[in-house]
């Protein structure tokens, strides 16, 4: 999957339970992380070292305002040059500068998912 990424910032869009965190955990494993990964719902930001590449997994679900994200230093992660995977990025859409990808996960019938990667 990372070979398909032109940009290191990926915004994950999908309803609650669509599989955003599960997909990111699989992505971390494929990138060489020895950590199984976990949802950063409470910590907001988790950092992983994947074969000498840093990956930041950000979950903005529990935040109410863009200001809260910026108080956490979100821009440092976004523009670090490292991979930054963000769940629930709608909160900061107006503040994120391209380039980035959007990965949309749609829930289909029979527990299937449709993934759409956009630049």
PDB file of N, CA and C in Angstrom:
ATOM      1  N   UNK A   1       0.823  -1.204   0.000  1.00  0.00           N
ATOM      2  CA  UNK A   1       0.000   0.000   0.000  1.00  0.00           C
ATOM      3  C   UNK A   1       0.859   1.255   0.000  1.00  0.00           C
ATOM      4  N   UNK A   2       1.923   1.302   0.840  1.00  0.00           N
ATOM      5  CA  UNK A   2       2.712   2.533   0.906  1.00  0.00           C
ATOM      6  C   UNK A   2       3.396   2.835  -0.423  1.00  0.00           C
ATOM      7  N   UNK A   3       3.623   1.820  -1.235  1.00  0.00           N
ATOM      8  CA  UNK A   3       4.203   2.063  -2.558  1.00  0.00           C
ATOM      9  C   UNK A   3       3.248   2.879  -3.423  1.00  0.00           C
ATOM     10  N   UNK A   4       1.953   2.802  -3.134  1.00  0.00           N
ATOM     11  CA  UNK A   4       0.946   3.558  -3.876  1.00  0.00           C
ATOM     12  C   UNK A   4       0.803   4.995  -3.382  1.00  0.00           C
ATOM     13  N   UNK A   5       1.456   5.320  -2.295  1.00  0.00           N
ATOM     14  CA  UNK A   5       1.307   6.648  -1.705  1.00  0.00           C
ATOM     15  C   UNK A   5       2.345   7.611  -2.264  1.00  0.00           C
ATOM     16  N   UNK A   6       1.883   8.673  -2.871  1.00  0.00           N
ATOM     17  CA  UNK A   6       2.771   9.738  -3.337  1.00  0.00           C
ATOM     18  C   UNK A   6       3.037  10.736  -2.211  1.00  0.00           C
ATOM     19  N   UNK A   7       2.107  10.804  -1.272  1.00  0.00           N
ATOM     20  CA  UNK A   7       2.180  11.775  -0.183  1.00  0.00           C
ATOM     21  C   UNK A   7       2.222  11.034   1.156  1.00  0.00           C
ATOM     22  N   UNK A   8       2.850  11.638   2.128  1.00  0.00           N
ATOM     23  CA  UNK A   8       2.990  10.975   3.425  1.00  0.00           C
ATOM     24  C   UNK A   8       1.850  11.266   4.388  1.00  0.00           C
ATOM     25  N   UNK A   9       0.999  12.227   4.058  1.00  0.00           N
ATOM     26  CA  UNK A   9      -0.163  12.511   4.895  1.00  0.00           C
ATOM     27  C   UNK A   9      -1.370  11.834   4.254  1.00  0.00           C
ATOM     28  N   UNK A  10      -2.052  10.993   5.048  1.00  0.00           N
ATOM     29  CA  UNK A  10      -3.229  10.283   4.560  1.00  0.00           C
ATOM     30  C   UNK A  10      -4.375  10.543   5.526  1.00  0.00           C
ATOM     31  N   UNK A  11      -5.472  11.058   4.983  1.00  0.00           N
ATOM     32  CA  UNK A  11      -6.666  11.352   5.769  1.00  0.00           C
ATOM     33  C   UNK A  11      -7.649  10.203   5.582  1.00  0.00           C
ATOM     34  N   UNK A  12      -8.031   9.559   6.666  1.00  0.00           N
ATOM     35  CA  UNK A  12      -8.918   8.397   6.611  1.00  0.00           C
ATOM     36  C   UNK A  12     -10.351   8.834   6.916  1.00  0.00           C
ATOM     37  N   UNK A  13     -11.235   8.590   5.951  1.00  0.00           N
ATOM     38  CA  UNK A  13     -12.638   8.976   6.063  1.00  0.00           C
ATOM     39  C   UNK A  13     -13.491   7.707   6.084  1.00  0.00           C
ATOM     40  N   UNK A  14     -14.438   7.658   6.982  1.00  0.00           N
ATOM     41  CA  UNK A  14     -15.357   6.526   7.049  1.00  0.00           C
ATOM     42  C   UNK A  14     -16.182   6.625   8.317  1.00  0.00           C
ATOM     43  N   UNK A  15     -17.336   6.017   8.271  1.00  0.00           N
ATOM     44  CA  UNK A  15     -18.215   6.071   9.437  1.00  0.00           C
ATOM     45  C   UNK A  15     -17.608   5.306  10.606  1.00  0.00           C
ATOM     46  N   UNK A  16     -18.166   5.523  11.776  1.00  0.00           N
ATOM     47  CA  UNK A  16     -17.739   4.807  12.966  1.00  0.00           C
ATOM     48  C   UNK A  16     -17.869   3.307  12.716  1.00  0.00           C
ATOM     49  N   UNK A  17     -16.804   2.563  12.958  1.00  0.00           N
ATOM     50  CA  UNK A  17     -16.829   1.124  12.757  1.00  0.00           C
ATOM     51  C   UNK A  17     -16.510   0.678  11.338  1.00  0.00           C
ATOM     52  N   UNK A  18     -16.123   1.605  10.470  1.00  0.00           N
ATOM     53  CA  UNK A  18     -15.830   1.254   9.074  1.00  0.00           C
ATOM     54  C   UNK A  18     -14.536   0.457   8.940  1.00  0.00           C
ATOM     55  N   UNK A  19     -13.640   0.605   9.902  1.00  0.00           N
ATOM     56  CA  UNK A  19     -12.388  -0.144   9.846  1.00  0.00           C
ATOM     57  C   UNK A  19     -11.156   0.725   9.646  1.00  0.00           C
ATOM     58  N   UNK A  20     -11.248   1.989   9.952  1.00  0.00           N
ATOM     59  CA  UNK A  20     -10.110   2.893   9.775  1.00  0.00           C
ATOM     60  C   UNK A  20      -8.920   2.448  10.620  1.00  0.00           C
ATOM     61  N   UNK A  21      -9.136   2.233  11.904  1.00  0.00           N
ATOM     62  CA  UNK A  21      -8.049   1.821  12.792  1.00  0.00           C
ATOM     63  C   UNK A  21      -7.514   0.451  12.402  1.00  0.00           C
ATOM     64  N   UNK A  22      -8.388  -0.467  12.071  1.00  0.00           N
ATOM     65  CA  UNK A  22      -7.963  -1.807  11.658  1.00  0.00           C
ATOM     66  C   UNK A  22      -7.091  -1.733  10.416  1.00  0.00           C
ATOM     67  N   UNK A  23      -7.478  -0.909   9.464  1.00  0.00           N
ATOM     68  CA  UNK A  23      -6.689  -0.752   8.246  1.00  0.00           C
ATOM     69  C   UNK A  23      -5.318  -0.151   8.569  1.00  0.00           C
ATOM     70  N   UNK A  24      -5.288   0.853   9.429  1.00  0.00           N
ATOM     71  CA  UNK A  24      -4.026   1.479   9.795  1.00  0.00           C
ATOM     72  C   UNK A  24      -3.123   0.484  10.525  1.00  0.00           C
ATOM     73  N   UNK A  25      -3.675  -0.351  11.393  1.00  0.00           N
ATOM     74  CA  UNK A  25      -2.880  -1.376  12.074  1.00  0.00           C
ATOM     75  C   UNK A  25      -2.233  -2.315  11.058  1.00  0.00           C
ATOM     76  N   UNK A  26      -2.992  -2.739  10.051  1.00  0.00           N
ATOM     77  CA  UNK A  26      -2.452  -3.616   9.004  1.00  0.00           C
ATOM     78  C   UNK A  26      -1.374  -2.890   8.207  1.00  0.00           C
ATOM     79  N   UNK A  27      -1.591  -1.632   7.942  1.00  0.00           N
ATOM     80  CA  UNK A  27      -0.620  -0.813   7.222  1.00  0.00           C
ATOM     81  C   UNK A  27       0.682  -0.702   8.018  1.00  0.00           C
ATOM     82  N   UNK A  28       0.575  -0.489   9.327  1.00  0.00           N
ATOM     83  CA  UNK A  28       1.753  -0.422  10.184  1.00  0.00           C
ATOM     84  C   UNK A  28       2.543  -1.728  10.136  1.00  0.00           C
ATOM     85  N   UNK A  29       1.853  -2.859  10.201  1.00  0.00           N
ATOM     86  CA  UNK A  29       2.527  -4.160  10.117  1.00  0.00           C
ATOM     87  C   UNK A  29       3.245  -4.306   8.781  1.00  0.00           C
ATOM     88  N   UNK A  30       2.579  -3.898   7.697  1.00  0.00           N
ATOM     89  CA  UNK A  30       3.197  -4.030   6.371  1.00  0.00           C
ATOM     90  C   UNK A  30       4.401  -3.100   6.214  1.00  0.00           C
ATOM     91  N   UNK A  31       4.450  -2.049   7.021  1.00  0.00           N
ATOM     92  CA  UNK A  31       5.569  -1.106   6.985  1.00  0.00           C
ATOM     93  C   UNK A  31       6.709  -1.526   7.910  1.00  0.00           C
ATOM     94  N   UNK A  32       6.538  -2.660   8.606  1.00  0.00           N
ATOM     95  CA  UNK A  32       7.610  -3.194   9.442  1.00  0.00           C
ATOM     96  C   UNK A  32       7.530  -2.857  10.911  1.00  0.00           C
ATOM     97  N   UNK A  33       6.394  -2.390  11.384  1.00  0.00           N
ATOM     98  CA  UNK A  33       6.262  -2.086  12.807  1.00  0.00           C
ATOM     99  C   UNK A  33       6.207  -3.376  13.617  1.00  0.00           C
ATOM    100  N   UNK A  34       6.987  -3.425  14.686  1.00  0.00           N
ATOM    101  CA  UNK A  34       6.918  -4.579  15.588  1.00  0.00           C
ATOM    102  C   UNK A  34       5.805  -4.386  16.611  1.00  0.00           C
ATOM    103  N   UNK A  35       5.293  -3.167  16.710  1.00  0.00           N
ATOM    104  CA  UNK A  35       4.177  -2.853  17.596  1.00  0.00           C
ATOM    105  C   UNK A  35       2.887  -3.187  16.861  1.00  0.00           C
ATOM    106  N   UNK A  36       1.935  -3.810  17.552  1.00  0.00           N
ATOM    107  CA  UNK A  36       0.676  -4.183  16.903  1.00  0.00           C
ATOM    108  C   UNK A  36      -0.205  -2.973  16.621  1.00  0.00           C
ATOM    109  N   UNK A  37       0.108  -1.852  17.231  1.00  0.00           N
ATOM    110  CA  UNK A  37      -0.701  -0.658  17.020  1.00  0.00           C
ATOM    111  C   UNK A  37      -1.952  -0.689  17.873  1.00  0.00           C
ATOM    112  N   UNK A  38      -2.435   0.484  18.179  1.00  0.00           N
ATOM    113  CA  UNK A  38      -3.668   0.587  18.947  1.00  0.00           C
ATOM    114  C   UNK A  38      -4.367   1.880  18.561  1.00  0.00           C
ATOM    115  N   UNK A  39      -5.617   1.950  18.883  1.00  0.00           N
ATOM    116  CA  UNK A  39      -6.384   3.146  18.566  1.00  0.00           C
ATOM    117  C   UNK A  39      -5.923   4.299  19.444  1.00  0.00           C
ATOM    118  N   UNK A  40      -5.609   5.440  18.843  1.00  0.00           N
ATOM    119  CA  UNK A  40      -5.227   6.598  19.649  1.00  0.00           C
ATOM    120  C   UNK A  40      -6.421   7.444  20.073  1.00  0.00           C
ATOM    121  N   UNK A  41      -7.578   6.809  20.251  1.00  0.00           N
ATOM    122  CA  UNK A  41      -8.784   7.557  20.605  1.00  0.00           C
ATOM    123  C   UNK A  41      -8.603   8.390  21.862  1.00  0.00           C
ATOM    124  N   UNK A  42      -7.884   7.860  22.845  1.00  0.00           N
ATOM    125  CA  UNK A  42      -7.701   8.594  24.094  1.00  0.00           C
ATOM    126  C   UNK A  42      -6.393   9.364  24.120  1.00  0.00           C
ATOM    127  N   UNK A  43      -5.340   8.798  23.537  1.00  0.00           N
ATOM    128  CA  UNK A  43      -4.052   9.494  23.520  1.00  0.00           C
ATOM    129  C   UNK A  43      -3.986  10.521  22.402  1.00  0.00           C
ATOM    130  N   UNK A  44      -4.867  10.423  21.431  1.00  0.00           N
ATOM    131  CA  UNK A  44      -4.991  11.280  20.255  1.00  0.00           C
ATOM    132  C   UNK A  44      -3.899  10.991  19.222  1.00  0.00           C
ATOM    133  N   UNK A  45      -2.634  10.865  19.652  1.00  0.00           N
ATOM    134  CA  UNK A  45      -1.533  10.633  18.709  1.00  0.00           C
ATOM    135  C   UNK A  45      -0.662   9.493  19.220  1.00  0.00           C
ATOM    136  N   UNK A  46      -0.432   8.491  18.363  1.00  0.00           N
ATOM    137  CA  UNK A  46       0.510   7.416  18.645  1.00  0.00           C
ATOM    138  C   UNK A  46       1.629   7.498  17.624  1.00  0.00           C
ATOM    139  N   UNK A  47       2.855   7.220  18.056  1.00  0.00           N
ATOM    140  CA  UNK A  47       4.013   7.236  17.162  1.00  0.00           C
ATOM    141  C   UNK A  47       4.578   5.827  17.044  1.00  0.00           C
ATOM    142  N   UNK A  48       4.968   5.444  15.841  1.00  0.00           N
ATOM    143  CA  UNK A  48       5.514   4.120  15.565  1.00  0.00           C
ATOM    144  C   UNK A  48       6.770   4.248  14.730  1.00  0.00           C
ATOM    145  N   UNK A  49       7.771   3.437  15.061  1.00  0.00           N
ATOM    146  CA  UNK A  49       8.969   3.355  14.251  1.00  0.00           C
ATOM    147  C   UNK A  49       8.827   2.111  13.383  1.00  0.00           C
ATOM    148  N   UNK A  50       8.759   2.307  12.091  1.00  0.00           N
ATOM    149  CA  UNK A  50       8.556   1.212  11.143  1.00  0.00           C
ATOM    150  C   UNK A  50       9.764   1.120  10.216  1.00  0.00           C
ATOM    151  N   UNK A  51      10.680   0.208  10.509  1.00  0.00           N
ATOM    152  CA  UNK A  51      11.874   0.052   9.677  1.00  0.00           C
ATOM    153  C   UNK A  51      12.538   1.395   9.388  1.00  0.00           C
ATOM    154  N   UNK A  52      12.846   2.136  10.432  1.00  0.00           N
ATOM    155  CA  UNK A  52      13.529   3.432  10.336  1.00  0.00           C
ATOM    156  C   UNK A  52      12.681   4.531   9.715  1.00  0.00           C
ATOM    157  N   UNK A  53      11.389   4.347   9.644  1.00  0.00           N
ATOM    158  CA  UNK A  53      10.461   5.376   9.173  1.00  0.00           C
ATOM    159  C   UNK A  53       9.492   5.653  10.311  1.00  0.00           C
ATOM    160  N   UNK A  54       9.293   6.903  10.635  1.00  0.00           N
ATOM    161  CA  UNK A  54       8.332   7.248  11.673  1.00  0.00           C
ATOM    162  C   UNK A  54       6.935   7.370  11.063  1.00  0.00           C
ATOM    163  N   UNK A  55       5.961   6.849  11.812  1.00  0.00           N
ATOM    164  CA  UNK A  55       4.565   6.953  11.407  1.00  0.00           C
ATOM    165  C   UNK A  55       3.786   7.495  12.601  1.00  0.00           C
ATOM    166  N   UNK A  56       3.007   8.535  12.361  1.00  0.00           N
ATOM    167  CA  UNK A  56       2.141   9.096  13.391  1.00  0.00           C
ATOM    168  C   UNK A  56       0.705   8.735  13.052  1.00  0.00           C
ATOM    169  N   UNK A  57       0.020   8.131  14.005  1.00  0.00           N
ATOM    170  CA  UNK A  57      -1.385   7.751  13.853  1.00  0.00           C
ATOM    171  C   UNK A  57      -2.182   8.687  14.751  1.00  0.00           C
ATOM    172  N   UNK A  58      -3.022   9.496  14.128  1.00  0.00           N
ATOM    173  CA  UNK A  58      -3.762  10.544  14.831  1.00  0.00           C
ATOM    174  C   UNK A  58      -5.262  10.249  14.735  1.00  0.00           C
ATOM    175  N   UNK A  59      -5.955  10.380  15.844  1.00  0.00           N
ATOM    176  CA  UNK A  59      -7.407  10.181  15.870  1.00  0.00           C
ATOM    177  C   UNK A  59      -8.040  11.424  16.492  1.00  0.00           C
ATOM    178  N   UNK A  60      -8.735  12.182  15.674  1.00  0.00           N
ATOM    179  CA  UNK A  60      -9.320  13.447  16.126  1.00  0.00           C
ATOM    180  C   UNK A  60     -10.777  13.312  16.577  1.00  0.00           C
ATOM    181  N   UNK A  61     -11.272  12.091  16.713  1.00  0.00           N
ATOM    182  CA  UNK A  61     -12.678  11.846  17.022  1.00  0.00           C
ATOM    183  C   UNK A  61     -13.137  12.545  18.298  1.00  0.00           C
ATOM    184  N   UNK A  62     -12.320  12.556  19.322  1.00  0.00           N
ATOM    185  CA  UNK A  62     -12.726  13.098  20.625  1.00  0.00           C
ATOM    186  C   UNK A  62     -12.529  14.610  20.761  1.00  0.00           C
ATOM    187  N   UNK A  63     -11.966  15.242  19.727  1.00  0.00           N
ATOM    188  CA  UNK A  63     -11.763  16.684  19.804  1.00  0.00           C
ATOM    189  C   UNK A  63     -12.995  17.418  19.287  1.00  0.00           C
ATOM    190  N   UNK A  64     -13.216  18.596  19.817  1.00  0.00           N
ATOM    191  CA  UNK A  64     -14.391  19.379  19.433  1.00  0.00           C
ATOM    192  C   UNK A  64     -14.077  20.549  18.507  1.00  0.00           C
ATOM    193  N   UNK A  65     -12.856  21.063  18.585  1.00  0.00           N
ATOM    194  CA  UNK A  65     -12.519  22.248  17.791  1.00  0.00           C
ATOM    195  C   UNK A  65     -11.145  22.079  17.143  1.00  0.00           C
ATOM    196  N   UNK A  66     -10.907  22.764  16.031  1.00  0.00           N
ATOM    197  CA  UNK A  66      -9.572  22.740  15.427  1.00  0.00           C
ATOM    198  C   UNK A  66      -8.504  23.255  16.396  1.00  0.00           C
ATOM    199  N   UNK A  67      -8.870  24.204  17.234  1.00  0.00           N
ATOM    200  CA  UNK A  67      -7.913  24.758  18.183  1.00  0.00           C
ATOM    201  C   UNK A  67      -7.341  23.675  19.093  1.00  0.00           C
ATOM    202  N   UNK A  68      -8.169  22.710  19.482  1.00  0.00           N
ATOM    203  CA  UNK A  68      -7.679  21.610  20.326  1.00  0.00           C
ATOM    204  C   UNK A  68      -6.594  20.819  19.597  1.00  0.00           C
ATOM    205  N   UNK A  69      -6.786  20.593  18.308  1.00  0.00           N
ATOM    206  CA  UNK A  69      -5.783  19.862  17.521  1.00  0.00           C
ATOM    207  C   UNK A  69      -4.480  20.652  17.456  1.00  0.00           C
ATOM    208  N   UNK A  70      -4.577  21.946  17.278  1.00  0.00           N
ATOM    209  CA  UNK A  70      -3.378  22.767  17.185  1.00  0.00           C
ATOM    210  C   UNK A  70      -2.689  22.932  18.530  1.00  0.00           C
ATOM    211  N   UNK A  71      -3.447  22.873  19.615  1.00  0.00           N
ATOM    212  CA  UNK A  71      -2.835  22.903  20.951  1.00  0.00           C
ATOM    213  C   UNK A  71      -2.002  21.646  21.193  1.00  0.00           C
ATOM    214  N   UNK A  72      -2.384  20.543  20.541  1.00  0.00           N
ATOM    215  CA  UNK A  72      -1.622  19.295  20.649  1.00  0.00           C
ATOM    216  C   UNK A  72      -0.387  19.300  19.744  1.00  0.00           C
ATOM    217  N   UNK A  73      -0.266  20.312  18.891  1.00  0.00           N
ATOM    218  CA  UNK A  73       0.874  20.398  17.989  1.00  0.00           C
ATOM    219  C   UNK A  73       0.700  19.603  16.707  1.00  0.00           C
ATOM    220  N   UNK A  74      -0.532  19.464  16.236  1.00  0.00           N
ATOM    221  CA  UNK A  74      -0.817  18.650  15.055  1.00  0.00           C
ATOM    222  C   UNK A  74       0.021  19.067  13.845  1.00  0.00           C
ATOM    223  N   UNK A  75       0.283  20.356  13.706  1.00  0.00           N
ATOM    224  CA  UNK A  75       1.035  20.819  12.535  1.00  0.00           C
ATOM    225  C   UNK A  75       2.460  20.267  12.526  1.00  0.00           C
ATOM    226  N   UNK A  76       3.039  19.995  13.696  1.00  0.00           N
ATOM    227  CA  UNK A  76       4.378  19.406  13.758  1.00  0.00           C
ATOM    228  C   UNK A  76       4.388  18.014  13.136  1.00  0.00           C
ATOM    229  N   UNK A  77       3.330  17.262  13.341  1.00  0.00           N
ATOM    230  CA  UNK A  77       3.237  15.919  12.774  1.00  0.00           C
ATOM    231  C   UNK A  77       2.910  15.989  11.280  1.00  0.00           C
ATOM    232  N   UNK A  78       1.983  16.873  10.918  1.00  0.00           N
ATOM    233  CA  UNK A  78       1.577  17.009   9.515  1.00  0.00           C
ATOM    234  C   UNK A  78       2.734  17.371   8.603  1.00  0.00           C
ATOM    235  N   UNK A  79       3.602  18.236   9.066  1.00  0.00           N
ATOM    236  CA  UNK A  79       4.661  18.772   8.216  1.00  0.00           C
ATOM    237  C   UNK A  79       6.048  18.286   8.630  1.00  0.00           C
ATOM    238  N   UNK A  80       6.088  17.134   9.320  1.00  0.00           N
ATOM    239  CA  UNK A  80       7.356  16.576   9.793  1.00  0.00           C
ATOM    240  C   UNK A  80       8.144  15.893   8.675  1.00  0.00           C
ATOM    241  N   UNK A  81       7.468  15.541   7.593  1.00  0.00           N
ATOM    242  CA  UNK A  81       8.117  14.756   6.550  1.00  0.00           C
ATOM    243  C   UNK A  81       7.978  13.262   6.785  1.00  0.00           C
ATOM    244  N   UNK A  82       7.392  12.891   7.935  1.00  0.00           N
ATOM    245  CA  UNK A  82       7.126  11.492   8.251  1.00  0.00           C
ATOM    246  C   UNK A  82       5.698  11.154   7.843  1.00  0.00           C
ATOM    247  N   UNK A  83       5.380   9.866   7.851  1.00  0.00           N
ATOM    248  CA  UNK A  83       4.005   9.460   7.555  1.00  0.00           C
ATOM    249  C   UNK A  83       3.085   9.930   8.670  1.00  0.00           C
ATOM    250  N   UNK A  84       1.923  10.412   8.288  1.00  0.00           N
ATOM    251  CA  UNK A  84       0.926  10.881   9.241  1.00  0.00           C
ATOM    252  C   UNK A  84      -0.436  10.394   8.768  1.00  0.00           C
ATOM    253  N   UNK A  85      -1.000   9.436   9.497  1.00  0.00           N
ATOM    254  CA  UNK A  85      -2.300   8.854   9.170  1.00  0.00           C
ATOM    255  C   UNK A  85      -3.326   9.436  10.139  1.00  0.00           C
ATOM    256  N   UNK A  86      -4.335  10.122   9.611  1.00  0.00           N
ATOM    257  CA  UNK A  86      -5.282  10.854  10.459  1.00  0.00           C
ATOM    258  C   UNK A  86      -6.701  10.326  10.279  1.00  0.00           C
ATOM    259  N   UNK A  87      -7.285   9.860  11.379  1.00  0.00           N
ATOM    260  CA  UNK A  87      -8.694   9.478  11.399  1.00  0.00           C
ATOM    261  C   UNK A  87      -9.521  10.687  11.822  1.00  0.00           C
ATOM    262  N   UNK A  88     -10.698  10.822  11.270  1.00  0.00           N
ATOM    263  CA  UNK A  88     -11.631  11.911  11.556  1.00  0.00           C
ATOM    264  C   UNK A  88     -10.989  13.283  11.269  1.00  0.00           C
ATOM    265  N   UNK A  89     -10.402  13.455  10.080  1.00  0.00           N
ATOM    266  CA  UNK A  89      -9.719  14.713   9.768  1.00  0.00           C
ATOM    267  C   UNK A  89     -10.644  15.876   9.434  1.00  0.00           C
ATOM    268  N   UNK A  90     -11.941  15.632   9.363  1.00  0.00           N
ATOM    269  CA  UNK A  90     -12.897  16.679   8.989  1.00  0.00           C
ATOM    270  C   UNK A  90     -12.737  17.918   9.865  1.00  0.00           C
ATOM    271  N   UNK A  91     -12.325  17.719  11.091  1.00  0.00           N
ATOM    272  CA  UNK A  91     -12.171  18.819  12.046  1.00  0.00           C
ATOM    273  C   UNK A  91     -11.134  19.841  11.571  1.00  0.00           C
ATOM    274  N   UNK A  92     -10.121  19.380  10.834  1.00  0.00           N
ATOM    275  CA  UNK A  92      -9.038  20.284  10.446  1.00  0.00           C
ATOM    276  C   UNK A  92      -8.865  20.416   8.929  1.00  0.00           C
ATOM    277  N   UNK A  93      -9.851  19.954   8.151  1.00  0.00           N
ATOM    278  CA  UNK A  93      -9.767  20.055   6.684  1.00  0.00           C
ATOM    279  C   UNK A  93      -9.339  21.435   6.203  1.00  0.00           C
ATOM    280  N   UNK A  94      -9.940  22.457   6.733  1.00  0.00           N
ATOM    281  CA  UNK A  94      -9.680  23.814   6.253  1.00  0.00           C
ATOM    282  C   UNK A  94      -8.274  24.301   6.581  1.00  0.00           C
ATOM    283  N   UNK A  95      -7.548  23.560   7.395  1.00  0.00           N
ATOM    284  CA  UNK A  95      -6.232  23.992   7.839  1.00  0.00           C
ATOM    285  C   UNK A  95      -5.097  23.127   7.286  1.00  0.00           C
ATOM    286  N   UNK A  96      -5.441  22.064   6.583  1.00  0.00           N
ATOM    287  CA  UNK A  96      -4.414  21.157   6.053  1.00  0.00           C
ATOM    288  C   UNK A  96      -4.048  21.589   4.646  1.00  0.00           C
ATOM    289  N   UNK A  97      -2.764  21.783   4.428  1.00  0.00           N
ATOM    290  CA  UNK A  97      -2.292  22.158   3.102  1.00  0.00           C
ATOM    291  C   UNK A  97      -1.915  20.903   2.319  1.00  0.00           C
ATOM    292  N   UNK A  98      -2.265  20.877   1.036  1.00  0.00           N
ATOM    293  CA  UNK A  98      -1.832  19.754   0.194  1.00  0.00           C
ATOM    294  C   UNK A  98      -0.300  19.755   0.115  1.00  0.00           C
ATOM    295  N   UNK A  99       0.284  18.644  -0.228  1.00  0.00           N
ATOM    296  CA  UNK A  99      -0.357  17.450  -0.770  1.00  0.00           C
ATOM    297  C   UNK A  99      -0.712  16.450   0.324  1.00  0.00           C
ATOM    298  N   UNK A 100      -1.774  15.724   0.085  1.00  0.00           N
ATOM    299  CA  UNK A 100      -2.185  14.628   0.956  1.00  0.00           C
ATOM    300  C   UNK A 100      -3.104  13.708   0.169  1.00  0.00           C
ATOM    301  N   UNK A 101      -3.289  12.516   0.716  1.00  0.00           N
ATOM    302  CA  UNK A 101      -4.249  11.565   0.159  1.00  0.00           C
ATOM    303  C   UNK A 101      -5.473  11.531   1.064  1.00  0.00           C
ATOM    304  N   UNK A 102      -6.584  11.139   0.485  1.00  0.00           N
ATOM    305  CA  UNK A 102      -7.774  10.799   1.254  1.00  0.00           C
ATOM    306  C   UNK A 102      -8.065   9.334   0.963  1.00  0.00           C
ATOM    307  N   UNK A 103      -8.175   8.542   2.011  1.00  0.00           N
ATOM    308  CA  UNK A 103      -8.576   7.146   1.859  1.00  0.00           C
ATOM    309  C   UNK A 103      -9.969   7.019   2.452  1.00  0.00           C
ATOM    310  N   UNK A 104     -10.924   6.774   1.588  1.00  0.00           N
ATOM    311  CA  UNK A 104     -12.313   6.648   2.015  1.00  0.00           C
ATOM    312  C   UNK A 104     -12.649   5.168   2.155  1.00  0.00           C
ATOM    313  N   UNK A 105     -13.238   4.814   3.296  1.00  0.00           N
ATOM    314  CA  UNK A 105     -13.677   3.446   3.543  1.00  0.00           C
ATOM    315  C   UNK A 105     -15.188   3.460   3.653  1.00  0.00           C
ATOM    316  N   UNK A 106     -15.847   2.800   2.703  1.00  0.00           N
ATOM    317  CA  UNK A 106     -17.303   2.698   2.716  1.00  0.00           C
ATOM    318  C   UNK A 106     -17.698   1.283   3.135  1.00  0.00           C
ATOM    319  N   UNK A 107     -18.689   1.188   4.010  1.00  0.00           N
ATOM    320  CA  UNK A 107     -19.198  -0.098   4.466  1.00  0.00           C
ATOM    321  C   UNK A 107     -20.254  -0.569   3.473  1.00  0.00           C
ATOM    322  N   UNK A 108     -20.064  -1.793   2.963  1.00  0.00           N
ATOM    323  CA  UNK A 108     -21.006  -2.395   2.027  1.00  0.00           C
ATOM    324  C   UNK A 108     -21.764  -3.520   2.722  1.00  0.00           C
ATOM    325  N   UNK A 109     -22.611  -4.179   1.986  1.00  0.00           N
ATOM    326  CA  UNK A 109     -23.349  -5.319   2.538  1.00  0.00           C
ATOM    327  C   UNK A 109     -22.399  -6.465   2.860  1.00  0.00           C
ATOM    328  N   UNK A 110     -22.853  -7.370   3.717  1.00  0.00           N
ATOM    329  CA  UNK A 110     -22.105  -8.581   4.076  1.00  0.00           C
ATOM    330  C   UNK A 110     -20.723  -8.277   4.646  1.00  0.00           C
ATOM    331  N   UNK A 111     -20.606  -7.203   5.410  1.00  0.00           N
ATOM    332  CA  UNK A 111     -19.372  -6.836   6.102  1.00  0.00           C
ATOM    333  C   UNK A 111     -18.212  -6.539   5.156  1.00  0.00           C
ATOM    334  N   UNK A 112     -18.481  -6.224   3.924  1.00  0.00           N
ATOM    335  CA  UNK A 112     -17.443  -5.872   2.968  1.00  0.00           C
ATOM    336  C   UNK A 112     -17.171  -4.380   3.046  1.00  0.00           C
ATOM    337  N   UNK A 113     -15.989  -4.006   2.552  1.00  0.00           N
ATOM    338  CA  UNK A 113     -15.584  -2.610   2.536  1.00  0.00           C
ATOM    339  C   UNK A 113     -15.124  -2.225   1.132  1.00  0.00           C
ATOM    340  N   UNK A 114     -15.369  -0.982   0.786  1.00  0.00           N
ATOM    341  CA  UNK A 114     -14.857  -0.431  -0.458  1.00  0.00           C
ATOM    342  C   UNK A 114     -13.860   0.659  -0.085  1.00  0.00           C
ATOM    343  N   UNK A 115     -12.621   0.523  -0.576  1.00  0.00           N
ATOM    344  CA  UNK A 115     -11.580   1.500  -0.298  1.00  0.00           C
ATOM    345  C   UNK A 115     -11.346   2.344  -1.542  1.00  0.00           C
ATOM    346  N   UNK A 116     -11.304   3.655  -1.356  1.00  0.00           N
ATOM    347  CA  UNK A 116     -11.043   4.574  -2.451  1.00  0.00           C
ATOM    348  C   UNK A 116      -9.912   5.494  -2.034  1.00  0.00           C
ATOM    349  N   UNK A 117      -8.797   5.456  -2.772  1.00  0.00           N
ATOM    350  CA  UNK A 117      -7.650   6.313  -2.488  1.00  0.00           C
ATOM    351  C   UNK A 117      -7.668   7.474  -3.456  1.00  0.00           C
ATOM    352  N   UNK A 118      -7.685   8.691  -2.918  1.00  0.00           N
ATOM    353  CA  UNK A 118      -7.702   9.899  -3.740  1.00  0.00           C
ATOM    354  C   UNK A 118      -6.483  10.754  -3.419  1.00  0.00           C
ATOM    355  N   UNK A 119      -5.978  11.430  -4.438  1.00  0.00           N
ATOM    356  CA  UNK A 119      -4.818  12.318  -4.220  1.00  0.00           C
ATOM    357  C   UNK A 119      -5.300  13.715  -3.965  1.00  0.00           C
TER     358      UNK A 119
END
